[in-house]
Amino acid sequence: IQLDGADGPAIAAGATVAIPGVAPGTHAVG
């Protein structure tokens, strides 16, 4: 998972991953 251009946690196909503590506002997720 990439959040705002930085690599985040891994995620498998068919899985769900929660990312807490995200600042309010607009973010880029890919």
Full PDB file with SEQRES, HELIX, SHEET, SSBOND, CRYST1, ORIGX, SCALE, CONECT and MASTER records, all heavy atoms in Angstrom:
SEQRES   1 A   30  ILE GLN LEU ASP GLY ALA ASP GLY PRO ALA ILE ALA ALA          
SEQRES   2 A   30  GLY ALA THR VAL ALA ILE PRO GLY VAL ALA PRO GLY THR          
SEQRES   3 A   30  HIS ALA VAL GLY                                              
SHEET    1 AA1 2 GLN A   2  LEU A   3  0                                        
SHEET    2 AA1 2 ALA A   6  ASP A   7 -1                                        
CRYST1    1.000    1.000    1.000  90.00  90.00  90.00 P 1           1          
ORIGX1      1.000000  0.000000  0.000000        0.00000                         
ORIGX2      0.000000  1.000000  0.000000        0.00000                         
ORIGX3      0.000000  0.000000  1.000000        0.00000                         
SCALE1      1.000000  0.000000  0.000000        0.00000                         
SCALE2      0.000000  1.000000  0.000000        0.00000                         
SCALE3      0.000000  0.000000  1.000000        0.00000                         
ATOM      1  N   ILE A   1       0.862  -1.180   0.000  1.00  0.00           N  
ATOM      2  CA  ILE A   1       0.000   0.000   0.000  1.00  0.00           C  
ATOM      3  C   ILE A   1       0.902   1.235   0.000  1.00  0.00           C  
ATOM      4  O   ILE A   1       1.854   1.332   0.776  1.00  0.00           O  
ATOM      5  CB  ILE A   1      -0.920   0.007   1.233  1.00  0.00           C  
ATOM      6  CG1 ILE A   1      -1.827  -1.231   1.222  1.00  0.00           C  
ATOM      7  CG2 ILE A   1      -1.756   1.280   1.271  1.00  0.00           C  
ATOM      8  CD1 ILE A   1      -2.645  -1.399   2.480  1.00  0.00           C  
ATOM      9  N   GLN A   2       0.560   2.182  -0.850  1.00  0.00           N  
ATOM     10  CA  GLN A   2       1.312   3.432  -0.922  1.00  0.00           C  
ATOM     11  C   GLN A   2       0.395   4.569  -0.508  1.00  0.00           C  
ATOM     12  O   GLN A   2      -0.671   4.768  -1.099  1.00  0.00           O  
ATOM     13  CB  GLN A   2       1.855   3.668  -2.325  1.00  0.00           C  
ATOM     14  CG  GLN A   2       2.900   4.751  -2.407  1.00  0.00           C  
ATOM     15  CD  GLN A   2       3.515   4.854  -3.790  1.00  0.00           C  
ATOM     16  OE1 GLN A   2       2.797   5.176  -4.741  1.00  0.00           O  
ATOM     17  NE2 GLN A   2       4.797   4.582  -3.911  1.00  0.00           N  
ATOM     18  N   LEU A   3       0.832   5.299   0.542  1.00  0.00           N  
ATOM     19  CA  LEU A   3       0.037   6.414   1.068  1.00  0.00           C  
ATOM     20  C   LEU A   3       0.827   7.701   0.909  1.00  0.00           C  
ATOM     21  O   LEU A   3       1.928   7.838   1.467  1.00  0.00           O  
ATOM     22  CB  LEU A   3      -0.301   6.172   2.543  1.00  0.00           C  
ATOM     23  CG  LEU A   3      -1.085   7.290   3.253  1.00  0.00           C  
ATOM     24  CD1 LEU A   3      -2.441   7.508   2.591  1.00  0.00           C  
ATOM     25  CD2 LEU A   3      -1.256   6.973   4.733  1.00  0.00           C  
ATOM     26  N   ASP A   4       0.262   8.593   0.116  1.00  0.00           N  
ATOM     27  CA  ASP A   4       0.898   9.899  -0.126  1.00  0.00           C  
ATOM     28  C   ASP A   4       2.346   9.738  -0.605  1.00  0.00           C  
ATOM     29  O   ASP A   4       3.257  10.464  -0.185  1.00  0.00           O  
ATOM     30  CB  ASP A   4       0.850  10.765   1.137  1.00  0.00           C  
ATOM     31  CG  ASP A   4      -0.584  11.118   1.543  1.00  0.00           C  
ATOM     32  OD1 ASP A   4      -1.439  11.202   0.641  1.00  0.00           O  
ATOM     33  OD2 ASP A   4      -0.835  11.280   2.756  1.00  0.00           O  
ATOM     34  N   GLY A   5       2.582   8.727  -1.490  1.00  0.00           N  
ATOM     35  CA  GLY A   5       3.896   8.535  -2.095  1.00  0.00           C  
ATOM     36  C   GLY A   5       4.864   7.730  -1.274  1.00  0.00           C  
ATOM     37  O   GLY A   5       5.971   7.427  -1.753  1.00  0.00           O  
ATOM     38  N   ALA A   6       4.506   7.348  -0.057  1.00  0.00           N  
ATOM     39  CA  ALA A   6       5.395   6.554   0.788  1.00  0.00           C  
ATOM     40  C   ALA A   6       4.853   5.135   0.894  1.00  0.00           C  
ATOM     41  O   ALA A   6       3.641   4.918   0.974  1.00  0.00           O  
ATOM     42  CB  ALA A   6       5.524   7.180   2.169  1.00  0.00           C  
ATOM     43  N   ASP A   7       5.781   4.149   0.887  1.00  0.00           N  
ATOM     44  CA  ASP A   7       5.361   2.756   0.999  1.00  0.00           C  
ATOM     45  C   ASP A   7       4.821   2.480   2.389  1.00  0.00           C  
ATOM     46  O   ASP A   7       5.429   2.853   3.409  1.00  0.00           O  
ATOM     47  CB  ASP A   7       6.531   1.818   0.698  1.00  0.00           C  
ATOM     48  CG  ASP A   7       6.877   1.801  -0.783  1.00  0.00           C  
ATOM     49  OD1 ASP A   7       6.010   2.198  -1.580  1.00  0.00           O  
ATOM     50  OD2 ASP A   7       8.002   1.412  -1.120  1.00  0.00           O  
ATOM     51  N   GLY A   8       3.671   1.829   2.433  1.00  0.00           N  
ATOM     52  CA  GLY A   8       3.046   1.454   3.688  1.00  0.00           C  
ATOM     53  C   GLY A   8       3.066  -0.047   3.884  1.00  0.00           C  
ATOM     54  O   GLY A   8       3.952  -0.745   3.374  1.00  0.00           O  
ATOM     55  N   PRO A   9       2.081  -0.592   4.595  1.00  0.00           N  
ATOM     56  CA  PRO A   9       2.058  -2.036   4.878  1.00  0.00           C  
ATOM     57  C   PRO A   9       1.769  -2.860   3.637  1.00  0.00           C  
ATOM     58  O   PRO A   9       1.235  -2.369   2.643  1.00  0.00           O  
ATOM     59  CB  PRO A   9       0.954  -2.164   5.929  1.00  0.00           C  
ATOM     60  CG  PRO A   9       0.072  -0.979   5.674  1.00  0.00           C  
ATOM     61  CD  PRO A   9       0.962   0.126   5.226  1.00  0.00           C  
ATOM     62  N   ALA A  10       2.146  -4.143   3.726  1.00  0.00           N  
ATOM     63  CA  ALA A  10       1.841  -5.077   2.646  1.00  0.00           C  
ATOM     64  C   ALA A  10       0.391  -5.514   2.739  1.00  0.00           C  
ATOM     65  O   ALA A  10      -0.218  -5.512   3.816  1.00  0.00           O  
ATOM     66  CB  ALA A  10       2.770  -6.285   2.730  1.00  0.00           C  
ATOM     67  N   ILE A  11      -0.148  -5.913   1.576  1.00  0.00           N  
ATOM     68  CA  ILE A  11      -1.520  -6.409   1.541  1.00  0.00           C  
ATOM     69  C   ILE A  11      -1.590  -7.517   0.510  1.00  0.00           C  
ATOM     70  O   ILE A  11      -1.027  -7.407  -0.584  1.00  0.00           O  
ATOM     71  CB  ILE A  11      -2.517  -5.269   1.227  1.00  0.00           C  
ATOM     72  CG1 ILE A  11      -3.960  -5.783   1.309  1.00  0.00           C  
ATOM     73  CG2 ILE A  11      -2.224  -4.633  -0.125  1.00  0.00           C  
ATOM     74  CD1 ILE A  11      -4.996  -4.661   1.242  1.00  0.00           C  
ATOM     75  N   ALA A  12      -2.219  -8.613   0.868  1.00  0.00           N  
ATOM     76  CA  ALA A  12      -2.361  -9.734  -0.050  1.00  0.00           C  
ATOM     77  C   ALA A  12      -3.615  -9.556  -0.887  1.00  0.00           C  
ATOM     78  O   ALA A  12      -4.536  -8.807  -0.531  1.00  0.00           O  
ATOM     79  CB  ALA A  12      -2.415 -11.041   0.732  1.00  0.00           C  
ATOM     80  N   ALA A  13      -3.633 -10.243  -2.031  1.00  0.00           N  
ATOM     81  CA  ALA A  13      -4.834 -10.211  -2.873  1.00  0.00           C  
ATOM     82  C   ALA A  13      -6.004 -10.796  -2.096  1.00  0.00           C  
ATOM     83  O   ALA A  13      -5.911 -11.870  -1.499  1.00  0.00           O  
ATOM     84  CB  ALA A  13      -4.588 -10.984  -4.155  1.00  0.00           C  
ATOM     85  N   GLY A  14      -7.138 -10.046  -2.034  1.00  0.00           N  
ATOM     86  CA  GLY A  14      -8.319 -10.493  -1.305  1.00  0.00           C  
ATOM     87  C   GLY A  14      -8.298 -10.134   0.158  1.00  0.00           C  
ATOM     88  O   GLY A  14      -9.191 -10.559   0.908  1.00  0.00           O  
ATOM     89  N   ALA A  15      -7.325  -9.337   0.632  1.00  0.00           N  
ATOM     90  CA  ALA A  15      -7.219  -9.000   2.048  1.00  0.00           C  
ATOM     91  C   ALA A  15      -7.639  -7.561   2.285  1.00  0.00           C  
ATOM     92  O   ALA A  15      -7.793  -6.751   1.363  1.00  0.00           O  
ATOM     93  CB  ALA A  15      -5.791  -9.220   2.529  1.00  0.00           C  
ATOM     94  N   THR A  16      -7.860  -7.245   3.601  1.00  0.00           N  
ATOM     95  CA  THR A  16      -8.206  -5.893   4.031  1.00  0.00           C  
ATOM     96  C   THR A  16      -7.203  -5.462   5.094  1.00  0.00           C  
ATOM     97  O   THR A  16      -6.915  -6.218   6.027  1.00  0.00           O  
ATOM     98  CB  THR A  16      -9.627  -5.841   4.597  1.00  0.00           C  
ATOM     99  OG1 THR A  16     -10.558  -6.251   3.586  1.00  0.00           O  
ATOM    100  CG2 THR A  16      -9.973  -4.421   5.056  1.00  0.00           C  
ATOM    101  N   VAL A  17      -6.667  -4.248   4.974  1.00  0.00           N  
ATOM    102  CA  VAL A  17      -5.691  -3.719   5.914  1.00  0.00           C  
ATOM    103  C   VAL A  17      -6.155  -2.355   6.388  1.00  0.00           C  
ATOM    104  O   VAL A  17      -6.548  -1.496   5.585  1.00  0.00           O  
ATOM    105  CB  VAL A  17      -4.288  -3.609   5.272  1.00  0.00           C  
ATOM    106  CG1 VAL A  17      -3.330  -2.867   6.186  1.00  0.00           C  
ATOM    107  CG2 VAL A  17      -3.739  -4.990   4.946  1.00  0.00           C  
ATOM    108  N   ALA A  18      -6.164  -2.146   7.739  1.00  0.00           N  
ATOM    109  CA  ALA A  18      -6.556  -0.866   8.325  1.00  0.00           C  
ATOM    110  C   ALA A  18      -5.316  -0.035   8.610  1.00  0.00           C  
ATOM    111  O   ALA A  18      -4.311  -0.533   9.117  1.00  0.00           O  
ATOM    112  CB  ALA A  18      -7.355  -1.089   9.610  1.00  0.00           C  
ATOM    113  N   ILE A  19      -5.397   1.224   8.318  1.00  0.00           N  
ATOM    114  CA  ILE A  19      -4.317   2.173   8.597  1.00  0.00           C  
ATOM    115  C   ILE A  19      -4.886   3.256   9.494  1.00  0.00           C  
ATOM    116  O   ILE A  19      -5.632   4.141   9.044  1.00  0.00           O  
ATOM    117  CB  ILE A  19      -3.762   2.792   7.296  1.00  0.00           C  
ATOM    118  CG1 ILE A  19      -3.288   1.697   6.341  1.00  0.00           C  
ATOM    119  CG2 ILE A  19      -2.620   3.746   7.602  1.00  0.00           C  
ATOM    120  CD1 ILE A  19      -2.811   2.209   5.007  1.00  0.00           C  
ATOM    121  N   PRO A  20      -4.593   3.224  10.807  1.00  0.00           N  
ATOM    122  CA  PRO A  20      -5.140   4.232  11.713  1.00  0.00           C  
ATOM    123  C   PRO A  20      -4.281   5.489  11.719  1.00  0.00           C  
ATOM    124  O   PRO A  20      -3.194   5.541  11.152  1.00  0.00           O  
ATOM    125  CB  PRO A  20      -5.091   3.519  13.069  1.00  0.00           C  
ATOM    126  CG  PRO A  20      -3.895   2.619  12.950  1.00  0.00           C  
ATOM    127  CD  PRO A  20      -3.839   2.174  11.519  1.00  0.00           C  
ATOM    128  N   GLY A  21      -4.799   6.505  12.450  1.00  0.00           N  
ATOM    129  CA  GLY A  21      -4.031   7.718  12.678  1.00  0.00           C  
ATOM    130  C   GLY A  21      -3.739   8.511  11.432  1.00  0.00           C  
ATOM    131  O   GLY A  21      -2.679   9.121  11.318  1.00  0.00           O  
ATOM    132  N   VAL A  22      -4.677   8.542  10.504  1.00  0.00           N  
ATOM    133  CA  VAL A  22      -4.487   9.304   9.278  1.00  0.00           C  
ATOM    134  C   VAL A  22      -5.052  10.701   9.494  1.00  0.00           C  
ATOM    135  O   VAL A  22      -6.200  10.862   9.954  1.00  0.00           O  
ATOM    136  CB  VAL A  22      -5.174   8.612   8.091  1.00  0.00           C  
ATOM    137  CG1 VAL A  22      -4.951   9.416   6.814  1.00  0.00           C  
ATOM    138  CG2 VAL A  22      -4.650   7.194   7.934  1.00  0.00           C  
ATOM    139  N   ALA A  23      -4.271  11.714   9.192  1.00  0.00           N  
ATOM    140  CA  ALA A  23      -4.710  13.093   9.396  1.00  0.00           C  
ATOM    141  C   ALA A  23      -5.919  13.400   8.528  1.00  0.00           C  
ATOM    142  O   ALA A  23      -6.021  12.924   7.386  1.00  0.00           O  
ATOM    143  CB  ALA A  23      -3.571  14.044   9.063  1.00  0.00           C  
ATOM    144  N   PRO A  24      -6.860  14.173   9.063  1.00  0.00           N  
ATOM    145  CA  PRO A  24      -8.024  14.547   8.244  1.00  0.00           C  
ATOM    146  C   PRO A  24      -7.579  15.302   6.998  1.00  0.00           C  
ATOM    147  O   PRO A  24      -6.610  16.056   7.010  1.00  0.00           O  
ATOM    148  CB  PRO A  24      -8.824  15.451   9.184  1.00  0.00           C  
ATOM    149  CG  PRO A  24      -8.351  15.111  10.565  1.00  0.00           C  
ATOM    150  CD  PRO A  24      -6.915  14.742  10.426  1.00  0.00           C  
ATOM    151  N   GLY A  25      -8.273  15.087   5.901  1.00  0.00           N  
ATOM    152  CA  GLY A  25      -7.959  15.766   4.655  1.00  0.00           C  
ATOM    153  C   GLY A  25      -7.916  14.803   3.487  1.00  0.00           C  
ATOM    154  O   GLY A  25      -8.384  13.651   3.572  1.00  0.00           O  
ATOM    155  N   THR A  26      -7.353  15.266   2.384  1.00  0.00           N  
ATOM    156  CA  THR A  26      -7.288  14.491   1.144  1.00  0.00           C  
ATOM    157  C   THR A  26      -5.948  13.769   1.068  1.00  0.00           C  
ATOM    158  O   THR A  26      -4.888  14.371   1.305  1.00  0.00           O  
ATOM    159  CB  THR A  26      -7.453  15.406  -0.083  1.00  0.00           C  
ATOM    160  OG1 THR A  26      -8.710  16.086   0.032  1.00  0.00           O  
ATOM    161  CG2 THR A  26      -7.424  14.594  -1.363  1.00  0.00           C  
ATOM    162  N   HIS A  27      -5.989  12.483   0.723  1.00  0.00           N  
ATOM    163  CA  HIS A  27      -4.783  11.668   0.635  1.00  0.00           C  
ATOM    164  C   HIS A  27      -4.795  10.883  -0.671  1.00  0.00           C  
ATOM    165  O   HIS A  27      -5.856  10.657  -1.275  1.00  0.00           O  
ATOM    166  CB  HIS A  27      -4.687  10.709   1.821  1.00  0.00           C  
ATOM    167  CG  HIS A  27      -4.558  11.411   3.137  1.00  0.00           C  
ATOM    168  ND1 HIS A  27      -3.356  11.792   3.674  1.00  0.00           N  
ATOM    169  CD2 HIS A  27      -5.527  11.819   4.025  1.00  0.00           C  
ATOM    170  CE1 HIS A  27      -3.556  12.400   4.833  1.00  0.00           C  
ATOM    171  NE2 HIS A  27      -4.877  12.429   5.069  1.00  0.00           N  
ATOM    172  N   ALA A  28      -3.564  10.455  -1.098  1.00  0.00           N  
ATOM    173  CA  ALA A  28      -3.412   9.610  -2.301  1.00  0.00           C  
ATOM    174  C   ALA A  28      -3.095   8.194  -1.847  1.00  0.00           C  
ATOM    175  O   ALA A  28      -2.119   7.964  -1.128  1.00  0.00           O  
ATOM    176  CB  ALA A  28      -2.310  10.144  -3.194  1.00  0.00           C  
ATOM    177  N   VAL A  29      -3.930   7.248  -2.259  1.00  0.00           N  
ATOM    178  CA  VAL A  29      -3.780   5.847  -1.862  1.00  0.00           C  
ATOM    179  C   VAL A  29      -3.670   4.999  -3.120  1.00  0.00           C  
ATOM    180  O   VAL A  29      -4.474   5.151  -4.054  1.00  0.00           O  
ATOM    181  CB  VAL A  29      -4.963   5.371  -1.002  1.00  0.00           C  
ATOM    182  CG1 VAL A  29      -4.751   3.929  -0.556  1.00  0.00           C  
ATOM    183  CG2 VAL A  29      -5.143   6.278   0.208  1.00  0.00           C  
ATOM    184  N   GLY A  30      -2.653   4.126  -3.179  1.00  0.00           N  
ATOM    185  CA  GLY A  30      -2.477   3.250  -4.338  1.00  0.00           C  
ATOM    186  C   GLY A  30      -1.749   1.984  -3.956  1.00  0.00           C  
ATOM    187  O   GLY A  30      -1.457   1.728  -2.785  1.00  0.00           O  
TER     188      GLY A  30                                                      
MASTER        0    0    0    0    2    0    0    6  187    1    0    3          
END                                                                             
